[in-house]
C-alpha atoms as a PDB file:
ATOM      1  CA  UNK A   1       8.948   0.337 -17.340  1.00  0.00           C
ATOM      2  CA  UNK A   2      12.603   0.926 -16.484  1.00  0.00           C
ATOM      3  CA  UNK A   3      14.001  -0.098 -13.205  1.00  0.00           C
ATOM      4  CA  UNK A   4      16.417   2.863 -11.833  1.00  0.00           C
ATOM      5  CA  UNK A   5      17.463   3.156  -8.427  1.00  0.00           C
ATOM      6  CA  UNK A   6      16.583   6.114  -6.566  1.00  0.00           C
ATOM      7  CA  UNK A   7      19.115   7.667  -3.637  1.00  0.00           C
ATOM      8  CA  UNK A   8      18.026   7.012  -0.504  1.00  0.00           C
ATOM      9  CA  UNK A   9      16.991  10.628   0.308  1.00  0.00           C
ATOM     10  CA  UNK A  10      14.741  10.468  -3.329  1.00  0.00           C
ATOM     11  CA  UNK A  11      13.287   6.913  -1.750  1.00  0.00           C
ATOM     12  CA  UNK A  12      12.523   9.285   1.789  1.00  0.00           C
ATOM     13  CA  UNK A  13      10.935  11.963  -0.049  1.00  0.00           C
ATOM     14  CA  UNK A  14       8.359   9.722  -2.234  1.00  0.00           C
ATOM     15  CA  UNK A  15       7.797   8.018   0.981  1.00  0.00           C
ATOM     16  CA  UNK A  16       6.857  11.082   2.789  1.00  0.00           C
ATOM     17  CA  UNK A  17       4.608  12.161  -0.071  1.00  0.00           C
ATOM     18  CA  UNK A  18       2.951   9.242  -0.118  1.00  0.00           C
ATOM     19  CA  UNK A  19       2.343   9.217   3.577  1.00  0.00           C
ATOM     20  CA  UNK A  20       0.909  12.820   3.394  1.00  0.00           C
ATOM     21  CA  UNK A  21      -1.182  12.081   0.966  1.00  0.00           C
ATOM     22  CA  UNK A  22      -3.102   8.776   2.820  1.00  0.00           C
ATOM     23  CA  UNK A  23      -3.209  10.683   5.716  1.00  0.00           C
ATOM     24  CA  UNK A  24      -4.985  14.032   3.622  1.00  0.00           C
ATOM     25  CA  UNK A  25      -7.484  10.815   3.207  1.00  0.00           C
ATOM     26  CA  UNK A  26      -7.771   9.175   6.323  1.00  0.00           C
ATOM     27  CA  UNK A  27      -6.446   9.156  10.002  1.00  0.00           C
ATOM     28  CA  UNK A  28      -7.109   5.535  10.498  1.00  0.00           C
ATOM     29  CA  UNK A  29      -4.016   4.414  12.657  1.00  0.00           C
ATOM     30  CA  UNK A  30      -3.169   0.341  12.142  1.00  0.00           C
ATOM     31  CA  UNK A  31      -1.539  -1.667  14.614  1.00  0.00           C
ATOM     32  CA  UNK A  32      -1.000  -4.453  12.244  1.00  0.00           C
ATOM     33  CA  UNK A  33      -0.268  -4.880   8.720  1.00  0.00           C
ATOM     34  CA  UNK A  34      -1.588  -7.586   5.923  1.00  0.00           C
ATOM     35  CA  UNK A  35      -0.697  -8.204   2.781  1.00  0.00           C
ATOM     36  CA  UNK A  36      -3.115 -10.350   0.404  1.00  0.00           C
ATOM     37  CA  UNK A  37      -1.581 -12.032  -2.325  1.00  0.00           C
ATOM     38  CA  UNK A  38      -2.584 -13.738  -5.507  1.00  0.00           C
ATOM     39  CA  UNK A  39      -6.127 -15.438  -4.600  1.00  0.00           C
ATOM     40  CA  UNK A  40      -6.170 -13.727  -1.363  1.00  0.00           C
ATOM     41  CA  UNK A  41      -7.727 -10.657  -2.754  1.00  0.00           C
ATOM     42  CA  UNK A  42     -11.304 -11.047  -1.824  1.00  0.00           C
ATOM     43  CA  UNK A  43     -10.575 -11.549   2.159  1.00  0.00           C
ATOM     44  CA  UNK A  44     -10.653  -7.810   3.133  1.00  0.00           C
ATOM     45  CA  UNK A  45     -14.081  -7.305   1.442  1.00  0.00           C
ATOM     46  CA  UNK A  46     -16.052  -9.365   4.082  1.00  0.00           C
ATOM     47  CA  UNK A  47     -14.674  -7.029   6.503  1.00  0.00           C
ATOM     48  CA  UNK A  48     -16.539  -4.115   7.763  1.00  0.00           C
ATOM     49  CA  UNK A  49     -14.827  -1.333   6.236  1.00  0.00           C
ATOM     50  CA  UNK A  50     -13.588   2.120   7.850  1.00  0.00           C
ATOM     51  CA  UNK A  51     -11.546   3.530   4.684  1.00  0.00           C
ATOM     52  CA  UNK A  52     -10.297   1.823   1.224  1.00  0.00           C
ATOM     53  CA  UNK A  53      -7.720   4.358  -0.738  1.00  0.00           C
ATOM     54  CA  UNK A  54      -6.976   3.027  -4.067  1.00  0.00           C
ATOM     55  CA  UNK A  55      -3.230   2.871  -5.040  1.00  0.00           C
ATOM     56  CA  UNK A  56      -3.735   5.587  -8.054  1.00  0.00           C
ATOM     57  CA  UNK A  57      -4.859   8.213  -5.763  1.00  0.00           C
ATOM     58  CA  UNK A  58      -1.744   8.127  -3.393  1.00  0.00           C
ATOM     59  CA  UNK A  59       0.468  10.537  -4.794  1.00  0.00           C
ATOM     60  CA  UNK A  60       3.946   8.806  -5.667  1.00  0.00           C
ATOM     61  CA  UNK A  61       2.452   5.335  -5.152  1.00  0.00           C
ATOM     62  CA  UNK A  62       3.213   2.660  -7.590  1.00  0.00           C
ATOM     63  CA  UNK A  63       0.543   0.632  -9.036  1.00  0.00           C
ATOM     64  CA  UNK A  64       0.217  -2.980  -9.718  1.00  0.00           C
ATOM     65  CA  UNK A  65      -0.027  -4.281 -13.426  1.00  0.00           C
ATOM     66  CA  UNK A  66      -1.091  -7.724 -12.493  1.00  0.00           C
ATOM     67  CA  UNK A  67      -4.423  -8.800 -13.135  1.00  0.00           C
ATOM     68  CA  UNK A  68      -6.569  -9.252 -10.466  1.00  0.00           C
ATOM     69  CA  UNK A  69      -4.721  -7.436  -8.010  1.00  0.00           C
ATOM     70  CA  UNK A  70      -7.535  -4.782  -6.872  1.00  0.00           C
ATOM     71  CA  UNK A  71      -4.728  -2.067  -6.305  1.00  0.00           C
ATOM     72  CA  UNK A  72      -6.050  -0.435  -2.711  1.00  0.00           C
ATOM     73  CA  UNK A  73      -5.353  -0.320   0.854  1.00  0.00           C
ATOM     74  CA  UNK A  74      -8.321  -1.254   2.913  1.00  0.00           C
ATOM     75  CA  UNK A  75      -8.646   0.175   6.749  1.00  0.00           C
ATOM     76  CA  UNK A  76     -10.664  -2.342   8.957  1.00  0.00           C
ATOM     77  CA  UNK A  77     -10.761  -3.910  12.647  1.00  0.00           C
ATOM     78  CA  UNK A  78     -10.105  -7.769  12.311  1.00  0.00           C
ATOM     79  CA  UNK A  79     -11.083  -9.470  15.500  1.00  0.00           C
ATOM     80  CA  UNK A  80     -10.720  -5.872  17.560  1.00  0.00           C
ATOM     81  CA  UNK A  81      -7.379  -5.396  15.809  1.00  0.00           C
ATOM     82  CA  UNK A  82      -6.591  -1.843  13.435  1.00  0.00           C
ATOM     83  CA  UNK A  83      -5.332  -3.103  10.462  1.00  0.00           C
ATOM     84  CA  UNK A  84      -3.883  -1.950   6.982  1.00  0.00           C
ATOM     85  CA  UNK A  85      -4.334  -4.480   4.476  1.00  0.00           C
ATOM     86  CA  UNK A  86      -2.984  -4.057   1.099  1.00  0.00           C
ATOM     87  CA  UNK A  87      -5.181  -5.744  -1.448  1.00  0.00           C
ATOM     88  CA  UNK A  88      -2.643  -6.409  -4.458  1.00  0.00           C
ATOM     89  CA  UNK A  89       0.849  -5.102  -4.463  1.00  0.00           C
ATOM     90  CA  UNK A  90       3.801  -4.105  -7.001  1.00  0.00           C
ATOM     91  CA  UNK A  91       6.419  -6.996  -8.149  1.00  0.00           C
ATOM     92  CA  UNK A  92      10.209  -6.260  -9.245  1.00  0.00           C
ATOM     93  CA  UNK A  93       9.074  -8.237 -12.562  1.00  0.00           C
ATOM     94  CA  UNK A  94       6.984  -5.699 -13.402  1.00  0.00           C
ATOM     95  CA  UNK A  95       9.614  -3.237 -14.016  1.00  0.00           C
ATOM     96  CA  UNK A  96       9.649  -1.248 -10.624  1.00  0.00           C
ATOM     97  CA  UNK A  97      12.876  -0.652  -8.798  1.00  0.00           C
ATOM     98  CA  UNK A  98      13.490  -2.504  -5.119  1.00  0.00           C
ATOM     99  CA  UNK A  99      12.710   1.061  -3.773  1.00  0.00           C
ATOM    100  CA  UNK A 100       9.198   1.106  -4.710  1.00  0.00           C
ATOM    101  CA  UNK A 101       8.620  -2.484  -4.333  1.00  0.00           C
ATOM    102  CA  UNK A 102       9.361  -1.802  -0.874  1.00  0.00           C
ATOM    103  CA  UNK A 103       7.513   1.162  -0.550  1.00  0.00           C
ATOM    104  CA  UNK A 104       4.140   0.121   0.645  1.00  0.00           C
ATOM    105  CA  UNK A 105       5.838  -2.022   3.445  1.00  0.00           C
ATOM    106  CA  UNK A 106       7.626   1.056   4.427  1.00  0.00           C
ATOM    107  CA  UNK A 107       4.359   3.139   4.482  1.00  0.00           C
ATOM    108  CA  UNK A 108       2.445   0.992   6.427  1.00  0.00           C
ATOM    109  CA  UNK A 109       4.922   0.931   8.963  1.00  0.00           C
ATOM    110  CA  UNK A 110       4.547   4.793   9.080  1.00  0.00           C
ATOM    111  CA  UNK A 111       1.087   4.861   9.388  1.00  0.00           C
ATOM    112  CA  UNK A 112       0.765   2.781  12.716  1.00  0.00           C
END
């Protein structure tokens, strides 16, 4: 995969496309976000999951190629707090432009 930078309007359009895609699948509004790294991916499996969305099912969303990353958003309550949890993430070394590496964080901010 070749890294290429995008204009801010392209970055915004992609972010909004991802947001719309997620909102078509769930109306869950998180108050906090958590990004699970290597070795922590199973944490969300023990929660009462209200919704989950595979990254591949989100239009325009970057998908991790790292083995062991589940590649999904989990929407659940943790000790009463509504949360969006990333099980897996994309990395710059996978060939993604930085705008795609930070897209998930921007998306989680828009969701809640």
